[in-house]
N, C-alpha and C. Protein backbone atom coordinates (compact mmCIF):
# COMPACT_ATOMS: atom_id res chain seq x y z
N MET A 1 -53.11 -246.88 37.49
CA MET A 1 -53.92 -248.09 37.49
C MET A 1 -55.29 -247.79 36.89
N LEU A 2 -55.87 -246.67 37.25
CA LEU A 2 -57.15 -246.29 36.69
C LEU A 2 -57.03 -246.09 35.18
N LYS A 3 -55.91 -245.51 34.76
CA LYS A 3 -55.67 -245.28 33.34
C LYS A 3 -55.58 -246.62 32.61
N THR A 4 -54.88 -247.62 33.16
CA THR A 4 -54.74 -248.94 32.55
C THR A 4 -56.10 -249.63 32.45
N THR A 5 -56.92 -249.55 33.47
CA THR A 5 -58.24 -250.17 33.47
C THR A 5 -59.13 -249.53 32.40
N LEU A 6 -59.06 -248.20 32.32
CA LEU A 6 -59.86 -247.48 31.32
C LEU A 6 -59.44 -247.88 29.91
N ILE A 7 -58.17 -248.00 29.64
CA ILE A 7 -57.67 -248.39 28.32
C ILE A 7 -58.12 -249.82 28.00
N LYS A 8 -58.06 -250.72 28.98
CA LYS A 8 -58.51 -252.10 28.76
C LYS A 8 -60.00 -252.13 28.43
N CYS A 9 -60.79 -251.32 29.11
CA CYS A 9 -62.23 -251.28 28.84
C CYS A 9 -62.51 -250.77 27.44
N ILE A 10 -61.82 -249.71 27.04
CA ILE A 10 -62.03 -249.15 25.71
C ILE A 10 -61.59 -250.16 24.64
N LEU A 11 -60.44 -250.78 24.85
CA LEU A 11 -59.97 -251.79 23.88
C LEU A 11 -60.93 -252.98 23.83
N GLY A 12 -61.41 -253.41 24.96
CA GLY A 12 -62.36 -254.53 25.01
C GLY A 12 -63.64 -254.20 24.26
N ALA A 13 -64.14 -252.99 24.45
CA ALA A 13 -65.36 -252.57 23.76
C ALA A 13 -65.11 -252.49 22.25
N ALA A 14 -63.94 -251.99 21.85
CA ALA A 14 -63.61 -251.89 20.43
C ALA A 14 -63.52 -253.28 19.79
N VAL A 15 -62.89 -254.23 20.48
CA VAL A 15 -62.77 -255.60 19.96
C VAL A 15 -64.15 -256.25 19.87
N ALA A 16 -64.98 -256.05 20.88
CA ALA A 16 -66.32 -256.64 20.87
C ALA A 16 -67.15 -256.07 19.73
N THR A 17 -67.06 -254.76 19.52
CA THR A 17 -67.81 -254.13 18.42
C THR A 17 -67.31 -254.63 17.08
N ALA A 18 -66.00 -254.69 16.91
CA ALA A 18 -65.43 -255.14 15.63
C ALA A 18 -65.80 -256.59 15.32
N SER A 19 -65.79 -257.43 16.34
CA SER A 19 -66.11 -258.84 16.08
C SER A 19 -67.61 -259.05 15.88
N ALA A 20 -68.44 -258.16 16.39
CA ALA A 20 -69.89 -258.29 16.22
C ALA A 20 -70.35 -257.77 14.86
N MET A 21 -69.60 -256.87 14.25
CA MET A 21 -70.02 -256.27 12.98
C MET A 21 -70.21 -257.30 11.87
N PRO A 22 -69.30 -258.23 11.63
CA PRO A 22 -69.56 -259.18 10.56
C PRO A 22 -70.82 -260.01 10.80
N VAL A 23 -71.10 -260.35 12.04
CA VAL A 23 -72.29 -261.12 12.35
C VAL A 23 -73.53 -260.30 11.98
N ALA A 24 -73.54 -259.04 12.31
CA ALA A 24 -74.67 -258.19 11.98
C ALA A 24 -74.83 -258.08 10.47
N SER A 25 -73.72 -257.94 9.73
CA SER A 25 -73.84 -257.82 8.29
C SER A 25 -74.31 -259.13 7.66
N TYR A 26 -73.90 -260.29 8.21
CA TYR A 26 -74.41 -261.58 7.72
C TYR A 26 -75.89 -261.71 7.98
N ALA A 27 -76.32 -261.26 9.14
CA ALA A 27 -77.73 -261.36 9.49
C ALA A 27 -78.56 -260.52 8.52
N GLN A 28 -78.07 -259.31 8.20
CA GLN A 28 -78.80 -258.48 7.25
C GLN A 28 -78.81 -259.12 5.87
N LYS A 29 -77.70 -259.67 5.42
CA LYS A 29 -77.61 -260.30 4.12
C LYS A 29 -78.55 -261.50 4.06
N GLY A 30 -78.60 -262.30 5.10
CA GLY A 30 -79.50 -263.46 5.14
C GLY A 30 -80.95 -263.03 5.08
N ALA A 31 -81.29 -261.96 5.77
CA ALA A 31 -82.68 -261.49 5.76
C ALA A 31 -83.08 -261.02 4.37
N ALA A 32 -82.14 -260.44 3.64
CA ALA A 32 -82.46 -259.93 2.31
C ALA A 32 -82.74 -261.06 1.32
N THR A 33 -82.17 -262.23 1.54
CA THR A 33 -82.38 -263.32 0.60
C THR A 33 -83.58 -264.18 0.96
N MET A 34 -84.16 -263.97 2.10
CA MET A 34 -85.35 -264.73 2.49
C MET A 34 -86.54 -264.24 1.67
N ASN A 35 -87.49 -265.09 1.44
CA ASN A 35 -88.65 -264.71 0.65
C ASN A 35 -89.79 -264.24 1.55
N THR A 36 -89.45 -263.50 2.60
CA THR A 36 -90.46 -262.92 3.47
C THR A 36 -90.16 -261.44 3.68
N PRO A 37 -90.21 -260.66 2.61
CA PRO A 37 -89.84 -259.26 2.71
C PRO A 37 -90.91 -258.43 3.43
N ALA A 38 -90.46 -257.33 4.02
CA ALA A 38 -91.38 -256.42 4.69
C ALA A 38 -92.12 -255.59 3.64
N THR A 39 -91.41 -255.14 2.60
CA THR A 39 -92.03 -254.36 1.55
C THR A 39 -91.52 -254.83 0.20
N SER A 40 -92.32 -254.61 -0.81
CA SER A 40 -91.97 -255.03 -2.16
C SER A 40 -91.63 -253.83 -3.02
N ALA A 41 -90.77 -254.06 -3.99
CA ALA A 41 -90.42 -253.02 -4.94
C ALA A 41 -91.48 -252.90 -6.03
N LEU A 42 -92.48 -253.78 -6.01
CA LEU A 42 -93.52 -253.79 -7.03
C LEU A 42 -94.85 -253.28 -6.48
N ASN A 43 -95.67 -252.73 -7.37
CA ASN A 43 -97.02 -252.34 -6.96
C ASN A 43 -97.86 -253.60 -6.78
N LYS A 44 -99.04 -253.45 -6.22
CA LYS A 44 -99.90 -254.62 -5.92
C LYS A 44 -100.26 -255.41 -7.17
N GLY A 45 -100.54 -254.73 -8.27
CA GLY A 45 -100.88 -255.40 -9.51
C GLY A 45 -99.74 -256.28 -10.02
N ASP A 46 -98.53 -255.75 -10.00
CA ASP A 46 -97.37 -256.53 -10.46
C ASP A 46 -97.05 -257.67 -9.49
N GLN A 47 -97.28 -257.45 -8.20
CA GLN A 47 -97.09 -258.54 -7.23
C GLN A 47 -98.04 -259.68 -7.53
N LYS A 48 -99.29 -259.35 -7.88
CA LYS A 48 -100.29 -260.37 -8.21
C LYS A 48 -99.89 -261.11 -9.49
N ILE A 49 -99.37 -260.39 -10.46
CA ILE A 49 -98.92 -261.02 -11.71
C ILE A 49 -97.83 -262.03 -11.42
N VAL A 50 -96.85 -261.67 -10.63
CA VAL A 50 -95.75 -262.57 -10.30
C VAL A 50 -96.29 -263.80 -9.56
N ALA A 51 -97.19 -263.59 -8.62
CA ALA A 51 -97.79 -264.71 -7.88
C ALA A 51 -98.60 -265.62 -8.81
N ASP A 52 -99.35 -265.02 -9.73
CA ASP A 52 -100.15 -265.81 -10.68
C ASP A 52 -99.26 -266.64 -11.61
N ILE A 53 -98.16 -266.05 -12.07
CA ILE A 53 -97.23 -266.79 -12.92
C ILE A 53 -96.62 -267.96 -12.14
N ALA A 54 -96.28 -267.72 -10.89
CA ALA A 54 -95.72 -268.79 -10.06
C ALA A 54 -96.74 -269.92 -9.89
N ARG A 55 -97.99 -269.55 -9.59
CA ARG A 55 -99.05 -270.54 -9.39
C ARG A 55 -99.27 -271.38 -10.64
N ALA A 56 -99.26 -270.74 -11.81
CA ALA A 56 -99.46 -271.47 -13.08
C ALA A 56 -98.34 -272.48 -13.29
N ASN A 57 -97.12 -272.09 -13.01
CA ASN A 57 -95.99 -273.02 -13.15
C ASN A 57 -96.09 -274.16 -12.15
N MET A 58 -96.46 -273.85 -10.92
CA MET A 58 -96.62 -274.90 -9.90
C MET A 58 -97.68 -275.91 -10.32
N ALA A 59 -98.78 -275.42 -10.90
CA ALA A 59 -99.86 -276.30 -11.32
C ALA A 59 -99.40 -277.25 -12.42
N GLU A 60 -98.64 -276.75 -13.39
CA GLU A 60 -98.15 -277.60 -14.48
C GLU A 60 -97.16 -278.65 -13.97
N ILE A 61 -96.33 -278.25 -13.02
CA ILE A 61 -95.36 -279.20 -12.44
C ILE A 61 -96.10 -280.33 -11.73
N GLU A 62 -97.08 -279.97 -10.90
CA GLU A 62 -97.82 -280.99 -10.14
C GLU A 62 -98.62 -281.90 -11.07
N ALA A 63 -99.28 -281.32 -12.07
CA ALA A 63 -100.05 -282.14 -13.01
C ALA A 63 -99.12 -283.06 -13.79
N GLY A 64 -97.95 -282.56 -14.17
CA GLY A 64 -96.98 -283.39 -14.88
C GLY A 64 -96.50 -284.56 -14.04
N LYS A 65 -96.25 -284.30 -12.76
CA LYS A 65 -95.82 -285.38 -11.86
C LYS A 65 -96.91 -286.44 -11.74
N LEU A 66 -98.15 -286.00 -11.66
CA LEU A 66 -99.27 -286.93 -11.58
C LEU A 66 -99.36 -287.77 -12.86
N ALA A 67 -99.16 -287.12 -14.00
CA ALA A 67 -99.22 -287.83 -15.28
C ALA A 67 -98.11 -288.87 -15.39
N LEU A 68 -96.95 -288.56 -14.86
CA LEU A 68 -95.86 -289.55 -14.92
C LEU A 68 -96.22 -290.82 -14.15
N THR A 69 -96.97 -290.68 -13.08
CA THR A 69 -97.33 -291.85 -12.28
C THR A 69 -98.59 -292.55 -12.78
N LYS A 70 -99.53 -291.80 -13.39
CA LYS A 70 -100.83 -292.37 -13.75
C LYS A 70 -100.92 -292.84 -15.21
N SER A 71 -100.22 -292.19 -16.10
CA SER A 71 -100.38 -292.50 -17.52
C SER A 71 -99.59 -293.74 -17.91
N GLN A 72 -100.13 -294.47 -18.87
CA GLN A 72 -99.43 -295.61 -19.46
C GLN A 72 -99.00 -295.29 -20.89
N ASN A 73 -99.33 -294.09 -21.35
CA ASN A 73 -99.05 -293.66 -22.72
C ASN A 73 -97.69 -292.96 -22.78
N ALA A 74 -96.78 -293.49 -23.59
CA ALA A 74 -95.42 -292.94 -23.68
C ALA A 74 -95.42 -291.49 -24.15
N GLU A 75 -96.30 -291.14 -25.08
CA GLU A 75 -96.37 -289.77 -25.60
C GLU A 75 -96.83 -288.80 -24.50
N VAL A 76 -97.80 -289.22 -23.71
CA VAL A 76 -98.30 -288.39 -22.61
C VAL A 76 -97.20 -288.24 -21.55
N LYS A 77 -96.50 -289.32 -21.26
CA LYS A 77 -95.42 -289.25 -20.26
C LYS A 77 -94.29 -288.33 -20.73
N THR A 78 -93.97 -288.37 -22.02
CA THR A 78 -92.94 -287.49 -22.56
C THR A 78 -93.38 -286.03 -22.43
N PHE A 79 -94.64 -285.76 -22.76
CA PHE A 79 -95.18 -284.41 -22.61
C PHE A 79 -95.13 -283.98 -21.15
N ALA A 80 -95.55 -284.86 -20.25
CA ALA A 80 -95.56 -284.55 -18.82
C ALA A 80 -94.16 -284.23 -18.31
N GLN A 81 -93.16 -284.99 -18.75
CA GLN A 81 -91.78 -284.72 -18.31
C GLN A 81 -91.31 -283.36 -18.83
N GLN A 82 -91.70 -283.02 -20.05
CA GLN A 82 -91.34 -281.70 -20.59
C GLN A 82 -92.00 -280.60 -19.76
N MET A 83 -93.25 -280.83 -19.34
CA MET A 83 -93.94 -279.84 -18.50
C MET A 83 -93.19 -279.64 -17.19
N ILE A 84 -92.78 -280.74 -16.59
CA ILE A 84 -92.04 -280.66 -15.32
C ILE A 84 -90.73 -279.90 -15.52
N ASP A 85 -89.99 -280.26 -16.56
CA ASP A 85 -88.69 -279.63 -16.80
C ASP A 85 -88.83 -278.13 -17.12
N ASP A 86 -89.69 -277.82 -18.09
CA ASP A 86 -89.82 -276.42 -18.53
C ASP A 86 -90.44 -275.53 -17.46
N HIS A 87 -91.45 -276.04 -16.77
CA HIS A 87 -92.12 -275.21 -15.77
C HIS A 87 -91.30 -275.11 -14.47
N THR A 88 -90.45 -276.08 -14.20
CA THR A 88 -89.53 -275.96 -13.05
C THR A 88 -88.51 -274.86 -13.34
N LYS A 89 -88.01 -274.83 -14.55
CA LYS A 89 -87.07 -273.76 -14.95
C LYS A 89 -87.77 -272.40 -14.87
N ALA A 90 -88.99 -272.33 -15.40
CA ALA A 90 -89.74 -271.07 -15.37
C ALA A 90 -90.04 -270.63 -13.93
N LEU A 91 -90.38 -271.59 -13.07
CA LEU A 91 -90.65 -271.27 -11.67
C LEU A 91 -89.38 -270.73 -11.01
N GLY A 92 -88.24 -271.26 -11.40
CA GLY A 92 -86.96 -270.73 -10.89
C GLY A 92 -86.77 -269.27 -11.28
N ASP A 93 -87.13 -268.93 -12.53
CA ASP A 93 -87.03 -267.54 -12.99
C ASP A 93 -87.98 -266.64 -12.20
N VAL A 94 -89.19 -267.13 -11.96
CA VAL A 94 -90.17 -266.37 -11.19
C VAL A 94 -89.67 -266.16 -9.76
N THR A 95 -89.15 -267.22 -9.16
CA THR A 95 -88.65 -267.16 -7.79
C THR A 95 -87.50 -266.15 -7.68
N GLN A 96 -86.61 -266.18 -8.65
CA GLN A 96 -85.48 -265.23 -8.64
C GLN A 96 -85.98 -263.79 -8.73
N LEU A 97 -86.94 -263.54 -9.63
CA LEU A 97 -87.50 -262.19 -9.74
C LEU A 97 -88.20 -261.80 -8.44
N ALA A 98 -88.97 -262.72 -7.88
CA ALA A 98 -89.69 -262.43 -6.64
C ALA A 98 -88.73 -262.05 -5.51
N GLN A 99 -87.63 -262.79 -5.40
CA GLN A 99 -86.65 -262.48 -4.35
C GLN A 99 -86.01 -261.12 -4.59
N THR A 100 -85.71 -260.81 -5.84
CA THR A 100 -85.10 -259.53 -6.19
C THR A 100 -86.05 -258.37 -5.88
N LYS A 101 -87.33 -258.58 -6.16
CA LYS A 101 -88.32 -257.51 -6.02
C LYS A 101 -89.05 -257.53 -4.67
N GLY A 102 -88.74 -258.52 -3.82
CA GLY A 102 -89.36 -258.57 -2.51
C GLY A 102 -90.81 -259.02 -2.53
N VAL A 103 -91.11 -260.02 -3.36
CA VAL A 103 -92.48 -260.54 -3.46
C VAL A 103 -92.53 -261.92 -2.82
N THR A 104 -93.52 -262.13 -1.96
CA THR A 104 -93.72 -263.44 -1.36
C THR A 104 -94.60 -264.26 -2.28
N LEU A 105 -94.10 -265.42 -2.69
CA LEU A 105 -94.83 -266.29 -3.61
C LEU A 105 -95.73 -267.27 -2.87
N PRO A 106 -96.78 -267.73 -3.54
CA PRO A 106 -97.64 -268.75 -2.92
C PRO A 106 -96.86 -270.05 -2.74
N THR A 107 -97.26 -270.83 -1.77
CA THR A 107 -96.56 -272.09 -1.49
C THR A 107 -97.38 -273.30 -1.86
N GLU A 108 -98.63 -273.07 -2.30
CA GLU A 108 -99.47 -274.20 -2.68
C GLU A 108 -100.37 -273.79 -3.84
N LEU A 109 -100.98 -274.78 -4.46
CA LEU A 109 -101.87 -274.55 -5.58
C LEU A 109 -103.13 -273.83 -5.14
N ASP A 110 -103.78 -273.15 -6.09
CA ASP A 110 -105.07 -272.53 -5.79
C ASP A 110 -106.14 -273.62 -5.79
N SER A 111 -107.34 -273.27 -5.35
CA SER A 111 -108.40 -274.27 -5.19
C SER A 111 -108.79 -274.90 -6.52
N LYS A 112 -108.76 -274.14 -7.61
CA LYS A 112 -109.10 -274.68 -8.94
C LYS A 112 -108.16 -275.83 -9.32
N HIS A 113 -106.88 -275.62 -9.12
CA HIS A 113 -105.90 -276.64 -9.50
C HIS A 113 -105.84 -277.80 -8.51
N LYS A 114 -106.18 -277.54 -7.25
CA LYS A 114 -106.30 -278.64 -6.28
C LYS A 114 -107.45 -279.55 -6.68
N ALA A 115 -108.56 -278.94 -7.12
CA ALA A 115 -109.72 -279.72 -7.55
C ALA A 115 -109.40 -280.53 -8.80
N LEU A 116 -108.66 -279.93 -9.74
CA LEU A 116 -108.26 -280.65 -10.94
C LEU A 116 -107.37 -281.84 -10.58
N ALA A 117 -106.42 -281.63 -9.68
CA ALA A 117 -105.54 -282.72 -9.25
C ALA A 117 -106.34 -283.85 -8.61
N ALA A 118 -107.32 -283.50 -7.80
CA ALA A 118 -108.17 -284.51 -7.16
C ALA A 118 -108.96 -285.29 -8.21
N LYS A 119 -109.50 -284.56 -9.19
CA LYS A 119 -110.27 -285.20 -10.27
C LYS A 119 -109.36 -286.14 -11.07
N LEU A 120 -108.19 -285.65 -11.47
CA LEU A 120 -107.26 -286.47 -12.25
C LEU A 120 -106.79 -287.69 -11.44
N GLY A 121 -106.62 -287.51 -10.15
CA GLY A 121 -106.15 -288.59 -9.29
C GLY A 121 -107.10 -289.78 -9.25
N LYS A 122 -108.37 -289.54 -9.56
CA LYS A 122 -109.37 -290.60 -9.53
C LYS A 122 -109.46 -291.35 -10.87
N LEU A 123 -108.82 -290.80 -11.90
CA LEU A 123 -108.90 -291.40 -13.23
C LEU A 123 -107.71 -292.30 -13.51
N SER A 124 -107.85 -293.13 -14.53
CA SER A 124 -106.73 -293.97 -14.96
C SER A 124 -106.89 -294.28 -16.44
N GLY A 125 -105.83 -294.82 -17.03
CA GLY A 125 -105.85 -295.24 -18.42
C GLY A 125 -106.15 -294.10 -19.38
N ASP A 126 -106.91 -294.43 -20.43
CA ASP A 126 -107.24 -293.44 -21.46
C ASP A 126 -108.04 -292.27 -20.91
N ALA A 127 -108.89 -292.54 -19.92
CA ALA A 127 -109.68 -291.46 -19.32
C ALA A 127 -108.76 -290.43 -18.66
N PHE A 128 -107.72 -290.92 -17.99
CA PHE A 128 -106.75 -290.00 -17.38
C PHE A 128 -106.05 -289.19 -18.46
N ASP A 129 -105.52 -289.90 -19.47
CA ASP A 129 -104.75 -289.23 -20.53
C ASP A 129 -105.57 -288.14 -21.21
N LYS A 130 -106.82 -288.47 -21.52
CA LYS A 130 -107.70 -287.51 -22.20
C LYS A 130 -107.95 -286.29 -21.30
N ALA A 131 -108.25 -286.53 -20.03
CA ALA A 131 -108.51 -285.42 -19.10
C ALA A 131 -107.25 -284.59 -18.86
N TYR A 132 -106.12 -285.24 -18.67
CA TYR A 132 -104.86 -284.51 -18.43
C TYR A 132 -104.49 -283.66 -19.64
N MET A 133 -104.51 -284.25 -20.83
CA MET A 133 -104.12 -283.51 -22.01
C MET A 133 -105.13 -282.42 -22.35
N GLY A 134 -106.39 -282.69 -22.12
CA GLY A 134 -107.42 -281.68 -22.41
C GLY A 134 -107.38 -280.51 -21.46
N GLN A 135 -107.22 -280.80 -20.17
CA GLN A 135 -107.25 -279.72 -19.17
C GLN A 135 -105.88 -279.10 -18.94
N ALA A 136 -104.93 -279.89 -18.46
CA ALA A 136 -103.60 -279.34 -18.15
C ALA A 136 -102.83 -279.02 -19.43
N GLY A 137 -102.99 -279.88 -20.43
CA GLY A 137 -102.25 -279.67 -21.68
C GLY A 137 -102.79 -278.52 -22.51
N VAL A 138 -104.07 -278.58 -22.86
CA VAL A 138 -104.64 -277.57 -23.75
C VAL A 138 -105.30 -276.44 -22.96
N GLY A 139 -106.25 -276.78 -22.10
CA GLY A 139 -107.02 -275.76 -21.38
C GLY A 139 -106.17 -274.79 -20.57
N ASP A 140 -105.32 -275.33 -19.72
CA ASP A 140 -104.49 -274.46 -18.88
C ASP A 140 -103.49 -273.65 -19.71
N HIS A 141 -102.93 -274.26 -20.75
CA HIS A 141 -101.96 -273.52 -21.57
C HIS A 141 -102.63 -272.41 -22.38
N LYS A 142 -103.87 -272.61 -22.82
CA LYS A 142 -104.61 -271.53 -23.48
C LYS A 142 -104.81 -270.38 -22.51
N ALA A 143 -105.24 -270.72 -21.30
CA ALA A 143 -105.50 -269.68 -20.29
C ALA A 143 -104.22 -268.95 -19.91
N VAL A 144 -103.14 -269.70 -19.71
CA VAL A 144 -101.86 -269.08 -19.32
C VAL A 144 -101.32 -268.23 -20.47
N HIS A 145 -101.46 -268.69 -21.69
CA HIS A 145 -100.99 -267.93 -22.85
C HIS A 145 -101.71 -266.57 -22.91
N ALA A 146 -103.03 -266.59 -22.76
CA ALA A 146 -103.80 -265.34 -22.76
C ALA A 146 -103.40 -264.46 -21.58
N ALA A 147 -103.20 -265.07 -20.42
CA ALA A 147 -102.82 -264.29 -19.23
C ALA A 147 -101.45 -263.66 -19.40
N LEU A 148 -100.49 -264.40 -19.95
CA LEU A 148 -99.15 -263.84 -20.14
C LEU A 148 -99.17 -262.65 -21.10
N LYS A 149 -99.97 -262.73 -22.15
CA LYS A 149 -100.10 -261.59 -23.07
C LYS A 149 -100.65 -260.37 -22.32
N LYS A 150 -101.67 -260.61 -21.50
CA LYS A 150 -102.27 -259.53 -20.71
C LYS A 150 -101.24 -258.98 -19.72
N PHE A 151 -100.53 -259.88 -19.03
CA PHE A 151 -99.52 -259.45 -18.05
C PHE A 151 -98.43 -258.61 -18.71
N GLU A 152 -98.02 -259.05 -19.90
CA GLU A 152 -96.95 -258.33 -20.60
C GLU A 152 -97.37 -256.89 -20.91
N SER A 153 -98.65 -256.69 -21.24
CA SER A 153 -99.10 -255.34 -21.56
C SER A 153 -99.47 -254.52 -20.31
N LYS A 154 -99.96 -255.18 -19.25
CA LYS A 154 -100.43 -254.46 -18.07
C LYS A 154 -99.37 -254.20 -17.01
N ALA A 155 -98.34 -255.03 -16.95
CA ALA A 155 -97.32 -254.88 -15.89
C ALA A 155 -96.65 -253.51 -16.00
N LYS A 156 -96.40 -252.92 -14.87
CA LYS A 156 -95.71 -251.62 -14.83
C LYS A 156 -94.19 -251.80 -14.77
N ASP A 157 -93.75 -252.83 -14.06
CA ASP A 157 -92.33 -253.06 -13.88
C ASP A 157 -91.74 -253.72 -15.13
N PRO A 158 -90.64 -253.19 -15.67
CA PRO A 158 -90.05 -253.76 -16.90
C PRO A 158 -89.58 -255.21 -16.72
N ASP A 159 -89.15 -255.58 -15.53
CA ASP A 159 -88.70 -256.96 -15.30
C ASP A 159 -89.87 -257.94 -15.30
N VAL A 160 -91.02 -257.50 -14.81
CA VAL A 160 -92.22 -258.34 -14.82
C VAL A 160 -92.70 -258.49 -16.26
N LYS A 161 -92.68 -257.39 -17.03
CA LYS A 161 -93.04 -257.45 -18.46
C LYS A 161 -92.12 -258.43 -19.18
N ALA A 162 -90.82 -258.34 -18.91
CA ALA A 162 -89.84 -259.20 -19.58
C ALA A 162 -90.05 -260.67 -19.21
N LEU A 163 -90.41 -260.93 -17.97
CA LEU A 163 -90.66 -262.31 -17.53
C LEU A 163 -91.84 -262.90 -18.30
N ALA A 164 -92.92 -262.14 -18.40
CA ALA A 164 -94.09 -262.61 -19.14
C ALA A 164 -93.73 -262.85 -20.61
N ALA A 165 -92.99 -261.94 -21.20
CA ALA A 165 -92.59 -262.07 -22.61
C ALA A 165 -91.68 -263.29 -22.81
N LYS A 166 -90.80 -263.53 -21.86
CA LYS A 166 -89.87 -264.66 -21.95
C LYS A 166 -90.61 -266.00 -21.91
N MET A 167 -91.69 -266.07 -21.16
CA MET A 167 -92.42 -267.33 -20.99
C MET A 167 -93.40 -267.62 -22.12
N LEU A 168 -93.81 -266.60 -22.86
CA LEU A 168 -94.80 -266.79 -23.92
C LEU A 168 -94.42 -267.84 -24.97
N PRO A 169 -93.21 -267.82 -25.54
CA PRO A 169 -92.89 -268.81 -26.57
C PRO A 169 -92.94 -270.25 -26.06
N THR A 170 -92.51 -270.48 -24.83
CA THR A 170 -92.53 -271.83 -24.27
C THR A 170 -93.97 -272.30 -24.07
N VAL A 171 -94.82 -271.43 -23.55
CA VAL A 171 -96.22 -271.79 -23.34
C VAL A 171 -96.90 -272.03 -24.69
N GLU A 172 -96.56 -271.23 -25.68
CA GLU A 172 -97.09 -271.41 -27.02
C GLU A 172 -96.70 -272.79 -27.58
N GLN A 173 -95.45 -273.16 -27.38
CA GLN A 173 -94.96 -274.46 -27.85
C GLN A 173 -95.68 -275.59 -27.12
N HIS A 174 -95.88 -275.45 -25.82
CA HIS A 174 -96.60 -276.46 -25.04
C HIS A 174 -98.03 -276.61 -25.57
N LEU A 175 -98.69 -275.47 -25.81
CA LEU A 175 -100.06 -275.49 -26.31
C LEU A 175 -100.13 -276.18 -27.67
N HIS A 176 -99.20 -275.88 -28.53
CA HIS A 176 -99.15 -276.50 -29.86
C HIS A 176 -98.96 -278.02 -29.73
N SER A 177 -98.03 -278.44 -28.89
CA SER A 177 -97.78 -279.87 -28.68
C SER A 177 -99.01 -280.57 -28.12
N ALA A 178 -99.62 -279.98 -27.11
CA ALA A 178 -100.79 -280.59 -26.48
C ALA A 178 -101.96 -280.66 -27.45
N SER A 179 -102.15 -279.61 -28.22
CA SER A 179 -103.26 -279.58 -29.18
C SER A 179 -103.10 -280.69 -30.23
N GLY A 180 -101.87 -280.98 -30.61
CA GLY A 180 -101.61 -282.04 -31.57
C GLY A 180 -101.87 -283.43 -31.00
N MET A 181 -101.89 -283.55 -29.69
CA MET A 181 -102.10 -284.85 -29.04
C MET A 181 -103.56 -285.10 -28.66
N VAL A 182 -104.38 -284.04 -28.65
CA VAL A 182 -105.78 -284.18 -28.25
C VAL A 182 -106.61 -284.22 -29.53
N PRO A 183 -107.37 -285.30 -29.72
CA PRO A 183 -108.19 -285.37 -30.93
C PRO A 183 -109.28 -284.28 -30.95
N ALA A 184 -109.55 -283.76 -32.12
CA ALA A 184 -110.59 -282.74 -32.26
C ALA A 184 -111.94 -283.38 -31.93
N LYS A 185 -112.89 -282.58 -31.48
CA LYS A 185 -114.21 -283.12 -31.14
C LYS A 185 -114.82 -283.78 -32.38
N GLY A 186 -115.35 -284.95 -32.18
CA GLY A 186 -116.00 -285.66 -33.26
C GLY A 186 -115.08 -286.57 -34.07
N SER A 187 -113.76 -286.46 -33.85
CA SER A 187 -112.84 -287.33 -34.59
C SER A 187 -112.43 -288.51 -33.73
N LYS A 188 -111.94 -289.52 -34.36
CA LYS A 188 -111.51 -290.73 -33.65
C LYS A 188 -110.12 -290.50 -33.05
N PRO A 189 -109.86 -290.99 -31.82
CA PRO A 189 -108.52 -290.87 -31.23
C PRO A 189 -107.51 -291.66 -32.03
N LYS A 190 -106.24 -291.25 -31.92
CA LYS A 190 -105.15 -291.92 -32.62
C LYS A 190 -104.95 -293.34 -32.14
């Protein structure tokens, strides 16, 4: 009888351990896909680059959404929709890299872009279009283009370098499009 009880206990423990193992492996797998890693595979400089790229994309998406609601100009709305589409795709690439490398991304805009959104939110009509295209269209894309070039040369991680290089042509195209829509200083608007 003692032998039977001992065998039942051992078998029960084995079944409990076997059935608990998949749960433990799922828990570990779930933790690995969360964007709250304990440590990152990137150095601090590369982590900042990834966060900065994410923030720049978030800012363009938010400004584009604002332009879709505030602008009455079809050309500006078309540009804004392209910003939303292209920068959402780019943010997806950044997010995927961040998850792979264990980097926690920002969840909101920086103070500079919050202030720009507040300023744009108070404008309407041609004043809005001019401010949006001048700041989000030309100004921000010039700054991001320069930053991406710097990131591509300074990043230590090859995947971070590749991400910056991948985004450069799109940002260049956005800058070219926006520049063509903003009248040069001293010239009459279209």
